[in-house]
Amino acid sequence: DDMAAIQLVGFLFLPESPRWLAQNGRKEEARAVILKLRGVKATAEQVADDMASLDELNKSEGGSLYEQLTKVWRDPVLT
């Protein structure tokens, strides 16, 4: 139980996922989190590459979490 409490407190200090932020239109916040995670030696090129990767991932997965979940349930019914 002590570990659970420590873990809960630790979660309060985790940054939001850059992928989730980008997927929800919060790209500047995603960029800020990437910069924080990469540290002071992060280059503009690295951050740009990371942001491009996020865009590609979000495009390939077909939208929001809601859209993905409804697709899982909708597609078997339609086929």
C-alpha atoms as a PDB file:
ATOM      1  CA  ASP A   1       0.000   0.000   0.000  1.00  0.00           C
ATOM      2  CA  ASP A   2       2.935   2.346   0.632  1.00  0.00           C
ATOM      3  CA  MET A   3       4.175   1.782  -2.918  1.00  0.00           C
ATOM      4  CA  ALA A   4       0.743   2.612  -4.308  1.00  0.00           C
ATOM      5  CA  ALA A   5       0.729   5.916  -2.434  1.00  0.00           C
ATOM      6  CA  ILE A   6       4.232   6.749  -3.653  1.00  0.00           C
ATOM      7  CA  GLN A   7       3.237   5.878  -7.198  1.00  0.00           C
ATOM      8  CA  LEU A   8       0.101   8.017  -6.978  1.00  0.00           C
ATOM      9  CA  VAL A   9       2.119  11.018  -5.814  1.00  0.00           C
ATOM     10  CA  GLY A  10       4.629  10.384  -8.605  1.00  0.00           C
ATOM     11  CA  PHE A  11       1.880  10.449 -11.223  1.00  0.00           C
ATOM     12  CA  LEU A  12       1.034  13.999 -10.211  1.00  0.00           C
ATOM     13  CA  PHE A  13       4.436  15.134 -11.508  1.00  0.00           C
ATOM     14  CA  LEU A  14       4.407  13.281 -14.829  1.00  0.00           C
ATOM     15  CA  PRO A  15       3.961  15.465 -17.890  1.00  0.00           C
ATOM     16  CA  GLU A  16       1.051  14.770 -20.182  1.00  0.00           C
ATOM     17  CA  SER A  17       1.846  12.614 -23.183  1.00  0.00           C
ATOM     18  CA  PRO A  18       3.110  14.675 -26.123  1.00  0.00           C
ATOM     19  CA  ARG A  19       1.255  12.287 -28.406  1.00  0.00           C
ATOM     20  CA  TRP A  20      -2.051  12.873 -26.622  1.00  0.00           C
ATOM     21  CA  LEU A  21      -1.491  16.627 -26.562  1.00  0.00           C
ATOM     22  CA  ALA A  22      -0.749  16.738 -30.299  1.00  0.00           C
ATOM     23  CA  GLN A  23      -3.715  14.511 -31.068  1.00  0.00           C
ATOM     24  CA  ASN A  24      -5.987  16.915 -29.215  1.00  0.00           C
ATOM     25  CA  GLY A  25      -4.772  20.064 -30.959  1.00  0.00           C
ATOM     26  CA  ARG A  26      -2.396  21.155 -28.207  1.00  0.00           C
ATOM     27  CA  LYS A  27       0.757  21.084 -30.328  1.00  0.00           C
ATOM     28  CA  GLU A  28       2.628  23.875 -28.534  1.00  0.00           C
ATOM     29  CA  GLU A  29       2.165  22.050 -25.237  1.00  0.00           C
ATOM     30  CA  ALA A  30       3.346  18.832 -26.905  1.00  0.00           C
ATOM     31  CA  ARG A  31       6.440  20.661 -28.142  1.00  0.00           C
ATOM     32  CA  ALA A  32       7.110  22.004 -24.629  1.00  0.00           C
ATOM     33  CA  VAL A  33       6.861  18.495 -23.124  1.00  0.00           C
ATOM     34  CA  ILE A  34       9.235  17.109 -25.767  1.00  0.00           C
ATOM     35  CA  LEU A  35      11.724  19.864 -24.968  1.00  0.00           C
ATOM     36  CA  LYS A  36      11.449  19.107 -21.270  1.00  0.00           C
ATOM     37  CA  LEU A  37      11.900  15.356 -21.804  1.00  0.00           C
ATOM     38  CA  ARG A  38      14.839  15.778 -24.202  1.00  0.00           C
ATOM     39  CA  GLY A  39      16.600  18.212 -21.894  1.00  0.00           C
ATOM     40  CA  VAL A  40      18.765  21.244 -22.501  1.00  0.00           C
ATOM     41  CA  LYS A  41      20.728  19.617 -25.332  1.00  0.00           C
ATOM     42  CA  ALA A  42      17.652  19.191 -27.521  1.00  0.00           C
ATOM     43  CA  THR A  43      18.056  20.613 -31.012  1.00  0.00           C
ATOM     44  CA  ALA A  44      15.334  22.235 -33.059  1.00  0.00           C
ATOM     45  CA  GLU A  45      15.756  19.430 -35.612  1.00  0.00           C
ATOM     46  CA  GLN A  46      15.167  16.715 -32.988  1.00  0.00           C
ATOM     47  CA  VAL A  47      12.025  18.428 -31.743  1.00  0.00           C
ATOM     48  CA  ALA A  48      10.757  18.931 -35.302  1.00  0.00           C
ATOM     49  CA  ASP A  49      11.398  15.235 -36.047  1.00  0.00           C
ATOM     50  CA  ASP A  50       9.533  14.214 -32.893  1.00  0.00           C
ATOM     51  CA  MET A  51       6.580  16.427 -33.781  1.00  0.00           C
ATOM     52  CA  ALA A  52       6.504  15.007 -37.330  1.00  0.00           C
ATOM     53  CA  SER A  53       6.525  11.484 -35.865  1.00  0.00           C
ATOM     54  CA  LEU A  54       3.586  12.365 -33.642  1.00  0.00           C
ATOM     55  CA  ASP A  55       1.654  13.689 -36.634  1.00  0.00           C
ATOM     56  CA  GLU A  56       2.362  10.500 -38.598  1.00  0.00           C
ATOM     57  CA  LEU A  57       1.288   8.282 -35.705  1.00  0.00           C
ATOM     58  CA  ASN A  58      -1.918  10.208 -35.217  1.00  0.00           C
ATOM     59  CA  LYS A  59      -2.735  10.070 -38.947  1.00  0.00           C
ATOM     60  CA  SER A  60      -2.026   6.352 -39.193  1.00  0.00           C
ATOM     61  CA  GLU A  61      -4.247   5.505 -36.244  1.00  0.00           C
ATOM     62  CA  GLY A  62      -7.250   7.275 -37.669  1.00  0.00           C
ATOM     63  CA  GLY A  63      -8.229   9.873 -35.133  1.00  0.00           C
ATOM     64  CA  SER A  64      -9.192  10.221 -31.530  1.00  0.00           C
ATOM     65  CA  LEU A  65      -9.490   7.490 -28.943  1.00  0.00           C
ATOM     66  CA  TYR A  66     -13.289   7.676 -29.264  1.00  0.00           C
ATOM     67  CA  GLU A  67     -13.063   7.119 -33.033  1.00  0.00           C
ATOM     68  CA  GLN A  68     -10.706   4.180 -32.550  1.00  0.00           C
ATOM     69  CA  LEU A  69     -12.944   2.530 -29.948  1.00  0.00           C
ATOM     70  CA  THR A  70     -16.125   3.004 -31.939  1.00  0.00           C
ATOM     71  CA  LYS A  71     -14.383   1.592 -35.015  1.00  0.00           C
ATOM     72  CA  VAL A  72     -13.524  -1.591 -33.087  1.00  0.00           C
ATOM     73  CA  TRP A  73     -17.198  -2.114 -32.252  1.00  0.00           C
ATOM     74  CA  ARG A  74     -18.662  -0.814 -35.517  1.00  0.00           C
ATOM     75  CA  ASP A  75     -16.523  -2.684 -38.072  1.00  0.00           C
ATOM     76  CA  PRO A  76     -17.405  -6.265 -37.015  1.00  0.00           C
ATOM     77  CA  VAL A  77     -21.086  -5.382 -37.156  1.00  0.00           C
ATOM     78  CA  LEU A  78     -20.804  -3.961 -40.671  1.00  0.00           C
ATOM     79  CA  THR A  79     -18.882  -6.899 -42.135  1.00  0.00           C
END
